[in-house]
């Protein structure tokens, strides 16, 4: 995870304390404050963002368990990959759709290679 003094995304997520709703507002500002419909069904809805952005191995394991049981994991995964591809300069903190930032970056590279 990046240095919190220089990592605006991590700071925004941690400062709000409102979990994934805050993350949605950070990730999808063009929705005018309305998260995508699938967020209503996310297993992480209502949980604190610290579980997904703790950086601790035990926290990562618990976050992954929540993600793996989520009925909208595919939508989350698709959206985060699209968003991260569109904003390559930002860090990839936390667990999203059951994957670390490093895993998501590796998957994106693999998908680009397979598409070529």
PDB file of N, CA and C in Angstrom:
ATOM      1  N   UNK A   1       0.854  -1.166   0.000  1.00  0.00           N
ATOM      2  CA  UNK A   1       0.000   0.000   0.000  1.00  0.00           C
ATOM      3  C   UNK A   1       0.894   1.221   0.000  1.00  0.00           C
ATOM      4  N   UNK A   2       0.428   2.308  -0.641  1.00  0.00           N
ATOM      5  CA  UNK A   2       1.203   3.525  -0.742  1.00  0.00           C
ATOM      6  C   UNK A   2       1.272   4.284   0.566  1.00  0.00           C
ATOM      7  N   UNK A   3       2.146   5.236   0.598  1.00  0.00           N
ATOM      8  CA  UNK A   3       2.296   6.105   1.752  1.00  0.00           C
ATOM      9  C   UNK A   3       1.044   6.955   1.891  1.00  0.00           C
ATOM     10  N   UNK A   4       0.394   6.914   3.050  1.00  0.00           N
ATOM     11  CA  UNK A   4      -0.879   7.613   3.216  1.00  0.00           C
ATOM     12  C   UNK A   4      -0.740   9.123   3.106  1.00  0.00           C
ATOM     13  N   UNK A   5       0.476   9.646   3.304  1.00  0.00           N
ATOM     14  CA  UNK A   5       0.669  11.087   3.153  1.00  0.00           C
ATOM     15  C   UNK A   5       0.588  11.509   1.697  1.00  0.00           C
ATOM     16  N   UNK A   6       0.890  10.586   0.780  1.00  0.00           N
ATOM     17  CA  UNK A   6       0.906  10.926  -0.642  1.00  0.00           C
ATOM     18  C   UNK A   6      -0.125  10.155  -1.446  1.00  0.00           C
ATOM     19  N   UNK A   7      -0.967   9.418  -0.803  1.00  0.00           N
ATOM     20  CA  UNK A   7      -1.909   8.550  -1.496  1.00  0.00           C
ATOM     21  C   UNK A   7      -3.331   9.087  -1.324  1.00  0.00           C
ATOM     22  N   UNK A   8      -3.804   9.944  -2.232  1.00  0.00           N
ATOM     23  CA  UNK A   8      -5.106  10.582  -2.044  1.00  0.00           C
ATOM     24  C   UNK A   8      -6.281   9.617  -2.042  1.00  0.00           C
ATOM     25  N   UNK A   9      -6.203   8.537  -2.803  1.00  0.00           N
ATOM     26  CA  UNK A   9      -7.310   7.583  -2.827  1.00  0.00           C
ATOM     27  C   UNK A   9      -7.436   6.887  -1.479  1.00  0.00           C
ATOM     28  N   UNK A  10      -6.331   6.411  -0.944  1.00  0.00           N
ATOM     29  CA  UNK A  10      -6.357   5.746   0.356  1.00  0.00           C
ATOM     30  C   UNK A  10      -6.836   6.713   1.426  1.00  0.00           C
ATOM     31  N   UNK A  11      -6.346   7.936   1.395  1.00  0.00           N
ATOM     32  CA  UNK A  11      -6.791   8.937   2.372  1.00  0.00           C
ATOM     33  C   UNK A  11      -8.285   9.181   2.270  1.00  0.00           C
ATOM     34  N   UNK A  12      -8.802   9.293   1.072  1.00  0.00           N
ATOM     35  CA  UNK A  12     -10.242   9.550   0.899  1.00  0.00           C
ATOM     36  C   UNK A  12     -11.067   8.407   1.458  1.00  0.00           C
ATOM     37  N   UNK A  13     -10.634   7.187   1.214  1.00  0.00           N
ATOM     38  CA  UNK A  13     -11.368   6.021   1.696  1.00  0.00           C
ATOM     39  C   UNK A  13     -11.315   5.951   3.212  1.00  0.00           C
ATOM     40  N   UNK A  14     -10.136   6.123   3.785  1.00  0.00           N
ATOM     41  CA  UNK A  14      -9.988   6.035   5.237  1.00  0.00           C
ATOM     42  C   UNK A  14     -10.700   7.171   5.956  1.00  0.00           C
ATOM     43  N   UNK A  15     -10.641   8.361   5.411  1.00  0.00           N
ATOM     44  CA  UNK A  15     -11.204   9.528   6.086  1.00  0.00           C
ATOM     45  C   UNK A  15     -12.717   9.496   6.185  1.00  0.00           C
ATOM     46  N   UNK A  16     -13.384   8.864   5.260  1.00  0.00           N
ATOM     47  CA  UNK A  16     -14.836   8.890   5.274  1.00  0.00           C
ATOM     48  C   UNK A  16     -15.430   7.975   6.324  1.00  0.00           C
ATOM     49  N   UNK A  17     -14.836   6.798   6.514  1.00  0.00           N
ATOM     50  CA  UNK A  17     -15.360   5.851   7.483  1.00  0.00           C
ATOM     51  C   UNK A  17     -16.719   5.290   7.097  1.00  0.00           C
ATOM     52  N   UNK A  18     -17.140   5.443   5.869  1.00  0.00           N
ATOM     53  CA  UNK A  18     -18.456   4.983   5.442  1.00  0.00           C
ATOM     54  C   UNK A  18     -18.382   3.787   4.507  1.00  0.00           C
ATOM     55  N   UNK A  19     -17.275   3.096   4.489  1.00  0.00           N
ATOM     56  CA  UNK A  19     -17.155   1.870   3.718  1.00  0.00           C
ATOM     57  C   UNK A  19     -17.263   2.062   2.220  1.00  0.00           C
ATOM     58  N   UNK A  20     -17.934   1.091   1.590  1.00  0.00           N
ATOM     59  CA  UNK A  20     -17.943   1.046   0.133  1.00  0.00           C
ATOM     60  C   UNK A  20     -18.739   2.162  -0.524  1.00  0.00           C
ATOM     61  N   UNK A  21     -19.678   2.757   0.167  1.00  0.00           N
ATOM     62  CA  UNK A  21     -20.369   3.898  -0.422  1.00  0.00           C
ATOM     63  C   UNK A  21     -19.368   5.012  -0.694  1.00  0.00           C
ATOM     64  N   UNK A  22     -18.487   5.247   0.262  1.00  0.00           N
ATOM     65  CA  UNK A  22     -17.445   6.255   0.065  1.00  0.00           C
ATOM     66  C   UNK A  22     -16.526   5.873  -1.080  1.00  0.00           C
ATOM     67  N   UNK A  23     -16.195   4.595  -1.164  1.00  0.00           N
ATOM     68  CA  UNK A  23     -15.349   4.143  -2.255  1.00  0.00           C
ATOM     69  C   UNK A  23     -16.041   4.365  -3.599  1.00  0.00           C
ATOM     70  N   UNK A  24     -17.316   4.056  -3.671  1.00  0.00           N
ATOM     71  CA  UNK A  24     -18.063   4.256  -4.915  1.00  0.00           C
ATOM     72  C   UNK A  24     -18.054   5.721  -5.326  1.00  0.00           C
ATOM     73  N   UNK A  25     -18.221   6.601  -4.372  1.00  0.00           N
ATOM     74  CA  UNK A  25     -18.230   8.023  -4.693  1.00  0.00           C
ATOM     75  C   UNK A  25     -16.851   8.487  -5.155  1.00  0.00           C
ATOM     76  N   UNK A  26     -15.813   7.856  -4.640  1.00  0.00           N
ATOM     77  CA  UNK A  26     -14.457   8.174  -5.066  1.00  0.00           C
ATOM     78  C   UNK A  26     -14.175   7.610  -6.450  1.00  0.00           C
ATOM     79  N   UNK A  27     -14.621   6.382  -6.691  1.00  0.00           N
ATOM     80  CA  UNK A  27     -14.317   5.711  -7.952  1.00  0.00           C
ATOM     81  C   UNK A  27     -15.184   6.158  -9.116  1.00  0.00           C
ATOM     82  N   UNK A  28     -16.447   6.495  -8.830  1.00  0.00           N
ATOM     83  CA  UNK A  28     -17.374   6.834  -9.904  1.00  0.00           C
ATOM     84  C   UNK A  28     -18.009   8.200  -9.675  1.00  0.00           C
ATOM     85  N   UNK A  29     -17.214   9.262  -9.711  1.00  0.00           N
ATOM     86  CA  UNK A  29     -17.779  10.589  -9.470  1.00  0.00           C
ATOM     87  C   UNK A  29     -18.775  11.024 -10.541  1.00  0.00           C
ATOM     88  N   UNK A  30     -18.690  10.443 -11.734  1.00  0.00           N
ATOM     89  CA  UNK A  30     -19.607  10.811 -12.812  1.00  0.00           C
ATOM     90  C   UNK A  30     -21.025  10.321 -12.564  1.00  0.00           C
ATOM     91  N   UNK A  31     -21.259   9.542 -11.523  1.00  0.00           N
ATOM     92  CA  UNK A  31     -22.611   9.088 -11.195  1.00  0.00           C
ATOM     93  C   UNK A  31     -23.332  10.109 -10.321  1.00  0.00           C
ATOM     94  N   UNK A  32     -22.711  11.237 -10.090  1.00  0.00           N
ATOM     95  CA  UNK A  32     -23.317  12.315  -9.300  1.00  0.00           C
ATOM     96  C   UNK A  32     -23.729  11.848  -7.909  1.00  0.00           C
ATOM     97  N   UNK A  33     -22.848  11.050  -7.314  1.00  0.00           N
ATOM     98  CA  UNK A  33     -23.098  10.613  -5.950  1.00  0.00           C
ATOM     99  C   UNK A  33     -23.939   9.362  -5.814  1.00  0.00           C
ATOM    100  N   UNK A  34     -24.327   8.774  -6.927  1.00  0.00           N
ATOM    101  CA  UNK A  34     -25.131   7.549  -6.878  1.00  0.00           C
ATOM    102  C   UNK A  34     -24.265   6.372  -7.314  1.00  0.00           C
ATOM    103  N   UNK A  35     -24.007   5.444  -6.403  1.00  0.00           N
ATOM    104  CA  UNK A  35     -23.212   4.276  -6.791  1.00  0.00           C
ATOM    105  C   UNK A  35     -23.974   3.418  -7.797  1.00  0.00           C
ATOM    106  N   UNK A  36     -23.267   2.585  -8.545  1.00  0.00           N
ATOM    107  CA  UNK A  36     -23.945   1.673  -9.468  1.00  0.00           C
ATOM    108  C   UNK A  36     -24.957   0.797  -8.726  1.00  0.00           C
ATOM    109  N   UNK A  37     -25.972   0.360  -9.421  1.00  0.00           N
ATOM    110  CA  UNK A  37     -27.051  -0.453  -8.844  1.00  0.00           C
ATOM    111  C   UNK A  37     -26.529  -1.680  -8.109  1.00  0.00           C
ATOM    112  N   UNK A  38     -25.510  -2.313  -8.649  1.00  0.00           N
ATOM    113  CA  UNK A  38     -25.027  -3.549  -8.039  1.00  0.00           C
ATOM    114  C   UNK A  38     -24.527  -3.347  -6.618  1.00  0.00           C
ATOM    115  N   UNK A  39     -24.158  -2.144  -6.258  1.00  0.00           N
ATOM    116  CA  UNK A  39     -23.680  -1.875  -4.893  1.00  0.00           C
ATOM    117  C   UNK A  39     -24.739  -2.194  -3.844  1.00  0.00           C
ATOM    118  N   UNK A  40     -25.996  -2.110  -4.222  1.00  0.00           N
ATOM    119  CA  UNK A  40     -27.072  -2.414  -3.284  1.00  0.00           C
ATOM    120  C   UNK A  40     -27.020  -3.863  -2.811  1.00  0.00           C
ATOM    121  N   UNK A  41     -26.387  -4.726  -3.593  1.00  0.00           N
ATOM    122  CA  UNK A  41     -26.363  -6.158  -3.305  1.00  0.00           C
ATOM    123  C   UNK A  41     -24.987  -6.661  -2.865  1.00  0.00           C
ATOM    124  N   UNK A  42     -24.026  -5.756  -2.718  1.00  0.00           N
ATOM    125  CA  UNK A  42     -22.662  -6.147  -2.363  1.00  0.00           C
ATOM    126  C   UNK A  42     -22.574  -6.677  -0.937  1.00  0.00           C
ATOM    127  N   UNK A  43     -21.846  -7.763  -0.764  1.00  0.00           N
ATOM    128  CA  UNK A  43     -21.667  -8.361   0.564  1.00  0.00           C
ATOM    129  C   UNK A  43     -20.934  -7.408   1.509  1.00  0.00           C
ATOM    130  N   UNK A  44     -20.139  -6.516   0.971  1.00  0.00           N
ATOM    131  CA  UNK A  44     -19.369  -5.592   1.803  1.00  0.00           C
ATOM    132  C   UNK A  44     -20.158  -4.344   2.181  1.00  0.00           C
ATOM    133  N   UNK A  45     -21.337  -4.196   1.646  1.00  0.00           N
ATOM    134  CA  UNK A  45     -22.145  -3.004   1.934  1.00  0.00           C
ATOM    135  C   UNK A  45     -22.349  -2.870   3.441  1.00  0.00           C
ATOM    136  N   UNK A  46     -22.026  -1.710   3.949  1.00  0.00           N
ATOM    137  CA  UNK A  46     -22.194  -1.445   5.365  1.00  0.00           C
ATOM    138  C   UNK A  46     -20.995  -1.807   6.218  1.00  0.00           C
ATOM    139  N   UNK A  47     -19.997  -2.462   5.618  1.00  0.00           N
ATOM    140  CA  UNK A  47     -18.792  -2.769   6.384  1.00  0.00           C
ATOM    141  C   UNK A  47     -17.849  -1.583   6.318  1.00  0.00           C
ATOM    142  N   UNK A  48     -16.976  -1.490   7.247  1.00  0.00           N
ATOM    143  CA  UNK A  48     -15.988  -0.411   7.240  1.00  0.00           C
ATOM    144  C   UNK A  48     -14.928  -0.655   6.186  1.00  0.00           C
ATOM    145  N   UNK A  49     -14.433   0.392   5.613  1.00  0.00           N
ATOM    146  CA  UNK A  49     -13.414   0.272   4.573  1.00  0.00           C
ATOM    147  C   UNK A  49     -12.094  -0.253   5.121  1.00  0.00           C
ATOM    148  N   UNK A  50     -11.863  -0.123   6.426  1.00  0.00           N
ATOM    149  CA  UNK A  50     -10.586  -0.560   6.988  1.00  0.00           C
ATOM    150  C   UNK A  50     -10.352  -2.058   6.780  1.00  0.00           C
ATOM    151  N   UNK A  51     -11.399  -2.854   6.716  1.00  0.00           N
ATOM    152  CA  UNK A  51     -11.244  -4.285   6.468  1.00  0.00           C
ATOM    153  C   UNK A  51     -10.576  -4.531   5.120  1.00  0.00           C
ATOM    154  N   UNK A  52     -10.930  -3.750   4.121  1.00  0.00           N
ATOM    155  CA  UNK A  52     -10.453  -3.956   2.760  1.00  0.00           C
ATOM    156  C   UNK A  52      -9.176  -3.182   2.445  1.00  0.00           C
ATOM    157  N   UNK A  53      -8.832  -2.236   3.296  1.00  0.00           N
ATOM    158  CA  UNK A  53      -7.666  -1.398   3.056  1.00  0.00           C
ATOM    159  C   UNK A  53      -6.702  -1.394   4.230  1.00  0.00           C
ATOM    160  N   UNK A  54      -6.694  -2.481   5.017  1.00  0.00           N
ATOM    161  CA  UNK A  54      -5.846  -2.539   6.205  1.00  0.00           C
ATOM    162  C   UNK A  54      -4.390  -2.808   5.864  1.00  0.00           C
ATOM    163  N   UNK A  55      -4.152  -3.569   4.809  1.00  0.00           N
ATOM    164  CA  UNK A  55      -2.790  -3.947   4.457  1.00  0.00           C
ATOM    165  C   UNK A  55      -2.276  -5.115   5.285  1.00  0.00           C
ATOM    166  N   UNK A  56      -3.021  -5.529   6.302  1.00  0.00           N
ATOM    167  CA  UNK A  56      -2.609  -6.644   7.150  1.00  0.00           C
ATOM    168  C   UNK A  56      -3.029  -7.969   6.524  1.00  0.00           C
ATOM    169  N   UNK A  57      -2.190  -8.967   6.632  1.00  0.00           N
ATOM    170  CA  UNK A  57      -2.514 -10.267   6.034  1.00  0.00           C
ATOM    171  C   UNK A  57      -3.817 -10.837   6.568  1.00  0.00           C
ATOM    172  N   UNK A  58      -4.038 -10.750   7.860  1.00  0.00           N
ATOM    173  CA  UNK A  58      -5.278 -11.282   8.432  1.00  0.00           C
ATOM    174  C   UNK A  58      -6.478 -10.496   7.902  1.00  0.00           C
ATOM    175  N   UNK A  59      -6.347  -9.188   7.792  1.00  0.00           N
ATOM    176  CA  UNK A  59      -7.419  -8.373   7.227  1.00  0.00           C
ATOM    177  C   UNK A  59      -7.684  -8.724   5.783  1.00  0.00           C
ATOM    178  N   UNK A  60      -6.610  -8.987   5.037  1.00  0.00           N
ATOM    179  CA  UNK A  60      -6.769  -9.380   3.635  1.00  0.00           C
ATOM    180  C   UNK A  60      -7.537 -10.683   3.517  1.00  0.00           C
ATOM    181  N   UNK A  61      -7.230 -11.628   4.385  1.00  0.00           N
ATOM    182  CA  UNK A  61      -7.918 -12.921   4.334  1.00  0.00           C
ATOM    183  C   UNK A  61      -9.410 -12.750   4.623  1.00  0.00           C
ATOM    184  N   UNK A  62      -9.745 -11.961   5.607  1.00  0.00           N
ATOM    185  CA  UNK A  62     -11.153 -11.727   5.941  1.00  0.00           C
ATOM    186  C   UNK A  62     -11.854 -10.973   4.804  1.00  0.00           C
ATOM    187  N   UNK A  63     -11.194  -9.977   4.256  1.00  0.00           N
ATOM    188  CA  UNK A  63     -11.772  -9.227   3.141  1.00  0.00           C
ATOM    189  C   UNK A  63     -12.029 -10.153   1.954  1.00  0.00           C
ATOM    190  N   UNK A  64     -11.103 -11.030   1.671  1.00  0.00           N
ATOM    191  CA  UNK A  64     -11.281 -11.980   0.564  1.00  0.00           C
ATOM    192  C   UNK A  64     -12.451 -12.918   0.814  1.00  0.00           C
ATOM    193  N   UNK A  65     -12.635 -13.338   2.063  1.00  0.00           N
ATOM    194  CA  UNK A  65     -13.787 -14.202   2.373  1.00  0.00           C
ATOM    195  C   UNK A  65     -15.096 -13.483   2.076  1.00  0.00           C
ATOM    196  N   UNK A  66     -15.168 -12.203   2.431  1.00  0.00           N
ATOM    197  CA  UNK A  66     -16.371 -11.419   2.143  1.00  0.00           C
ATOM    198  C   UNK A  66     -16.582 -11.332   0.631  1.00  0.00           C
ATOM    199  N   UNK A  67     -15.518 -11.037  -0.097  1.00  0.00           N
ATOM    200  CA  UNK A  67     -15.613 -10.904  -1.553  1.00  0.00           C
ATOM    201  C   UNK A  67     -16.021 -12.216  -2.224  1.00  0.00           C
ATOM    202  N   UNK A  68     -15.438 -13.305  -1.795  1.00  0.00           N
ATOM    203  CA  UNK A  68     -15.722 -14.590  -2.439  1.00  0.00           C
ATOM    204  C   UNK A  68     -17.174 -15.014  -2.260  1.00  0.00           C
ATOM    205  N   UNK A  69     -17.823 -14.557  -1.201  1.00  0.00           N
ATOM    206  CA  UNK A  69     -19.228 -14.890  -0.962  1.00  0.00           C
ATOM    207  C   UNK A  69     -20.184 -13.865  -1.560  1.00  0.00           C
ATOM    208  N   UNK A  70     -19.664 -12.850  -2.208  1.00  0.00           N
ATOM    209  CA  UNK A  70     -20.477 -11.733  -2.694  1.00  0.00           C
ATOM    210  C   UNK A  70     -21.235 -12.086  -3.974  1.00  0.00           C
ATOM    211  N   UNK A  71     -22.537 -11.799  -4.022  1.00  0.00           N
ATOM    212  CA  UNK A  71     -23.326 -12.106  -5.218  1.00  0.00           C
ATOM    213  C   UNK A  71     -23.026 -11.189  -6.408  1.00  0.00           C
ATOM    214  N   UNK A  72     -22.350 -10.080  -6.187  1.00  0.00           N
ATOM    215  CA  UNK A  72     -22.055  -9.153  -7.286  1.00  0.00           C
ATOM    216  C   UNK A  72     -20.542  -9.010  -7.501  1.00  0.00           C
ATOM    217  N   UNK A  73     -19.806 -10.032  -7.143  1.00  0.00           N
ATOM    218  CA  UNK A  73     -18.345  -9.985  -7.273  1.00  0.00           C
ATOM    219  C   UNK A  73     -17.918  -9.729  -8.713  1.00  0.00           C
ATOM    220  N   UNK A  74     -18.593 -10.332  -9.665  1.00  0.00           N
ATOM    221  CA  UNK A  74     -18.214 -10.132 -11.083  1.00  0.00           C
ATOM    222  C   UNK A  74     -18.380  -8.678 -11.515  1.00  0.00           C
ATOM    223  N   UNK A  75     -19.469  -8.043 -11.106  1.00  0.00           N
ATOM    224  CA  UNK A  75     -19.676  -6.642 -11.461  1.00  0.00           C
ATOM    225  C   UNK A  75     -18.611  -5.763 -10.809  1.00  0.00           C
ATOM    226  N   UNK A  76     -18.313  -6.045  -9.549  1.00  0.00           N
ATOM    227  CA  UNK A  76     -17.276  -5.304  -8.830  1.00  0.00           C
ATOM    228  C   UNK A  76     -15.934  -5.467  -9.539  1.00  0.00           C
ATOM    229  N   UNK A  77     -15.607  -6.689  -9.866  1.00  0.00           N
ATOM    230  CA  UNK A  77     -14.347  -6.996 -10.535  1.00  0.00           C
ATOM    231  C   UNK A  77     -14.246  -6.271 -11.873  1.00  0.00           C
ATOM    232  N   UNK A  78     -15.297  -6.338 -12.646  1.00  0.00           N
ATOM    233  CA  UNK A  78     -15.324  -5.670 -13.947  1.00  0.00           C
ATOM    234  C   UNK A  78     -15.149  -4.157 -13.800  1.00  0.00           C
ATOM    235  N   UNK A  79     -15.900  -3.576 -12.880  1.00  0.00           N
ATOM    236  CA  UNK A  79     -15.824  -2.122 -12.689  1.00  0.00           C
ATOM    237  C   UNK A  79     -14.446  -1.672 -12.208  1.00  0.00           C
ATOM    238  N   UNK A  80     -13.873  -2.396 -11.252  1.00  0.00           N
ATOM    239  CA  UNK A  80     -12.574  -1.962 -10.736  1.00  0.00           C
ATOM    240  C   UNK A  80     -11.484  -2.121 -11.788  1.00  0.00           C
ATOM    241  N   UNK A  81     -11.534  -3.176 -12.583  1.00  0.00           N
ATOM    242  CA  UNK A  81     -10.539  -3.321 -13.651  1.00  0.00           C
ATOM    243  C   UNK A  81     -10.672  -2.210 -14.683  1.00  0.00           C
ATOM    244  N   UNK A  82     -11.888  -1.874 -15.033  1.00  0.00           N
ATOM    245  CA  UNK A  82     -12.119  -0.786 -15.985  1.00  0.00           C
ATOM    246  C   UNK A  82     -11.633   0.543 -15.423  1.00  0.00           C
ATOM    247  N   UNK A  83     -11.979   0.806 -14.172  1.00  0.00           N
ATOM    248  CA  UNK A  83     -11.583   2.067 -13.548  1.00  0.00           C
ATOM    249  C   UNK A  83     -10.070   2.170 -13.422  1.00  0.00           C
ATOM    250  N   UNK A  84      -9.434   1.104 -12.955  1.00  0.00           N
ATOM    251  CA  UNK A  84      -7.984   1.151 -12.783  1.00  0.00           C
ATOM    252  C   UNK A  84      -7.259   1.285 -14.115  1.00  0.00           C
ATOM    253  N   UNK A  85      -7.785   0.682 -15.161  1.00  0.00           N
ATOM    254  CA  UNK A  85      -7.173   0.813 -16.485  1.00  0.00           C
ATOM    255  C   UNK A  85      -7.278   2.241 -17.003  1.00  0.00           C
ATOM    256  N   UNK A  86      -8.371   2.907 -16.673  1.00  0.00           N
ATOM    257  CA  UNK A  86      -8.578   4.280 -17.131  1.00  0.00           C
ATOM    258  C   UNK A  86      -7.757   5.293 -16.331  1.00  0.00           C
ATOM    259  N   UNK A  87      -7.302   4.906 -15.143  1.00  0.00           N
ATOM    260  CA  UNK A  87      -6.554   5.823 -14.279  1.00  0.00           C
ATOM    261  C   UNK A  87      -5.262   5.153 -13.812  1.00  0.00           C
ATOM    262  N   UNK A  88      -4.351   4.872 -14.740  1.00  0.00           N
ATOM    263  CA  UNK A  88      -3.151   4.096 -14.394  1.00  0.00           C
ATOM    264  C   UNK A  88      -2.201   4.794 -13.428  1.00  0.00           C
ATOM    265  N   UNK A  89      -2.315   6.096 -13.272  1.00  0.00           N
ATOM    266  CA  UNK A  89      -1.392   6.814 -12.400  1.00  0.00           C
ATOM    267  C   UNK A  89      -1.723   6.658 -10.919  1.00  0.00           C
ATOM    268  N   UNK A  90      -2.925   6.190 -10.603  1.00  0.00           N
ATOM    269  CA  UNK A  90      -3.318   6.044  -9.205  1.00  0.00           C
ATOM    270  C   UNK A  90      -2.861   4.713  -8.632  1.00  0.00           C
ATOM    271  N   UNK A  91      -2.625   4.676  -7.337  1.00  0.00           N
ATOM    272  CA  UNK A  91      -2.215   3.418  -6.694  1.00  0.00           C
ATOM    273  C   UNK A  91      -3.350   2.399  -6.689  1.00  0.00           C
ATOM    274  N   UNK A  92      -3.022   1.169  -6.414  1.00  0.00           N
ATOM    275  CA  UNK A  92      -3.986   0.063  -6.392  1.00  0.00           C
ATOM    276  C   UNK A  92      -4.087  -0.505  -4.979  1.00  0.00           C
ATOM    277  N   UNK A  93      -4.601   0.262  -4.035  1.00  0.00           N
ATOM    278  CA  UNK A  93      -4.636  -0.220  -2.657  1.00  0.00           C
ATOM    279  C   UNK A  93      -5.765  -1.217  -2.416  1.00  0.00           C
ATOM    280  N   UNK A  94      -5.594  -1.997  -1.382  1.00  0.00           N
ATOM    281  CA  UNK A  94      -6.689  -2.782  -0.846  1.00  0.00           C
ATOM    282  C   UNK A  94      -7.101  -4.010  -1.619  1.00  0.00           C
ATOM    283  N   UNK A  95      -8.111  -4.663  -1.043  1.00  0.00           N
ATOM    284  CA  UNK A  95      -8.725  -5.853  -1.629  1.00  0.00           C
ATOM    285  C   UNK A  95     -10.020  -5.417  -2.293  1.00  0.00           C
ATOM    286  N   UNK A  96     -10.156  -5.729  -3.563  1.00  0.00           N
ATOM    287  CA  UNK A  96     -11.383  -5.444  -4.301  1.00  0.00           C
ATOM    288  C   UNK A  96     -11.717  -6.680  -5.123  1.00  0.00           C
ATOM    289  N   UNK A  97     -12.940  -7.132  -5.051  1.00  0.00           N
ATOM    290  CA  UNK A  97     -13.384  -8.334  -5.757  1.00  0.00           C
ATOM    291  C   UNK A  97     -12.520  -9.538  -5.388  1.00  0.00           C
ATOM    292  N   UNK A  98     -11.979  -9.532  -4.172  1.00  0.00           N
ATOM    293  CA  UNK A  98     -11.183 -10.655  -3.688  1.00  0.00           C
ATOM    294  C   UNK A  98      -9.738 -10.655  -4.138  1.00  0.00           C
ATOM    295  N   UNK A  99      -9.290  -9.581  -4.773  1.00  0.00           N
ATOM    296  CA  UNK A  99      -7.924  -9.523  -5.293  1.00  0.00           C
ATOM    297  C   UNK A  99      -7.179  -8.318  -4.744  1.00  0.00           C
ATOM    298  N   UNK A 100      -5.869  -8.483  -4.562  1.00  0.00           N
ATOM    299  CA  UNK A 100      -5.024  -7.357  -4.178  1.00  0.00           C
ATOM    300  C   UNK A 100      -4.764  -6.490  -5.409  1.00  0.00           C
ATOM    301  N   UNK A 101      -4.227  -5.318  -5.185  1.00  0.00           N
ATOM    302  CA  UNK A 101      -3.880  -4.440  -6.299  1.00  0.00           C
ATOM    303  C   UNK A 101      -2.873  -5.082  -7.231  1.00  0.00           C
ATOM    304  N   UNK A 102      -1.900  -5.774  -6.675  1.00  0.00           N
ATOM    305  CA  UNK A 102      -0.894  -6.466  -7.484  1.00  0.00           C
ATOM    306  C   UNK A 102      -1.543  -7.555  -8.336  1.00  0.00           C
ATOM    307  N   UNK A 103      -2.442  -8.309  -7.754  1.00  0.00           N
ATOM    308  CA  UNK A 103      -3.138  -9.357  -8.508  1.00  0.00           C
ATOM    309  C   UNK A 103      -3.980  -8.764  -9.628  1.00  0.00           C
ATOM    310  N   UNK A 104      -4.646  -7.633  -9.359  1.00  0.00           N
ATOM    311  CA  UNK A 104      -5.456  -6.996 -10.407  1.00  0.00           C
ATOM    312  C   UNK A 104      -4.580  -6.491 -11.535  1.00  0.00           C
ATOM    313  N   UNK A 105      -3.423  -5.932 -11.209  1.00  0.00           N
ATOM    314  CA  UNK A 105      -2.494  -5.454 -12.237  1.00  0.00           C
ATOM    315  C   UNK A 105      -1.990  -6.623 -13.082  1.00  0.00           C
ATOM    316  N   UNK A 106      -1.637  -7.736 -12.438  1.00  0.00           N
ATOM    317  CA  UNK A 106      -1.179  -8.922 -13.164  1.00  0.00           C
ATOM    318  C   UNK A 106      -2.273  -9.462 -14.078  1.00  0.00           C
ATOM    319  N   UNK A 107      -3.497  -9.491 -13.592  1.00  0.00           N
ATOM    320  CA  UNK A 107      -4.610  -9.975 -14.406  1.00  0.00           C
ATOM    321  C   UNK A 107      -4.830  -9.086 -15.624  1.00  0.00           C
ATOM    322  N   UNK A 108      -4.764  -7.776 -15.432  1.00  0.00           N
ATOM    323  CA  UNK A 108      -4.934  -6.853 -16.553  1.00  0.00           C
ATOM    324  C   UNK A 108      -3.865  -7.093 -17.618  1.00  0.00           C
ATOM    325  N   UNK A 109      -2.630  -7.281 -17.185  1.00  0.00           N
ATOM    326  CA  UNK A 109      -1.536  -7.564 -18.131  1.00  0.00           C
ATOM    327  C   UNK A 109      -1.797  -8.863 -18.881  1.00  0.00           C
ATOM    328  N   UNK A 110      -2.240  -9.884 -18.151  1.00  0.00           N
ATOM    329  CA  UNK A 110      -2.541 -11.182 -18.770  1.00  0.00           C
ATOM    330  C   UNK A 110      -3.653 -11.045 -19.806  1.00  0.00           C
ATOM    331  N   UNK A 111      -4.707 -10.313 -19.466  1.00  0.00           N
ATOM    332  CA  UNK A 111      -5.818 -10.127 -20.392  1.00  0.00           C
ATOM    333  C   UNK A 111      -5.384  -9.369 -21.638  1.00  0.00           C
ATOM    334  N   UNK A 112      -4.512  -8.354 -21.469  1.00  0.00           N
ATOM    335  CA  UNK A 112      -4.001  -7.617 -22.630  1.00  0.00           C
ATOM    336  C   UNK A 112      -3.171  -8.535 -23.526  1.00  0.00           C
ATOM    337  N   UNK A 113      -2.351  -9.383 -22.913  1.00  0.00           N
ATOM    338  CA  UNK A 113      -1.517 -10.310 -23.674  1.00  0.00           C
ATOM    339  C   UNK A 113      -2.380 -11.297 -24.453  1.00  0.00           C
ATOM    340  N   UNK A 114      -3.406 -11.820 -23.803  1.00  0.00           N
ATOM    341  CA  UNK A 114      -4.289 -12.780 -24.457  1.00  0.00           C
ATOM    342  C   UNK A 114      -5.092 -12.138 -25.581  1.00  0.00           C
ATOM    343  N   UNK A 115      -5.413 -10.853 -25.451  1.00  0.00           N
ATOM    344  CA  UNK A 115      -6.190 -10.157 -26.465  1.00  0.00           C
ATOM    345  C   UNK A 115      -5.346  -9.789 -27.692  1.00  0.00           C
ATOM    346  N   UNK A 116      -4.036  -9.720 -27.493  1.00  0.00           N
ATOM    347  CA  UNK A 116      -3.137  -9.307 -28.591  1.00  0.00           C
ATOM    348  C   UNK A 116      -2.895 -10.403 -29.595  1.00  0.00           C
TER     349      UNK A 116
END
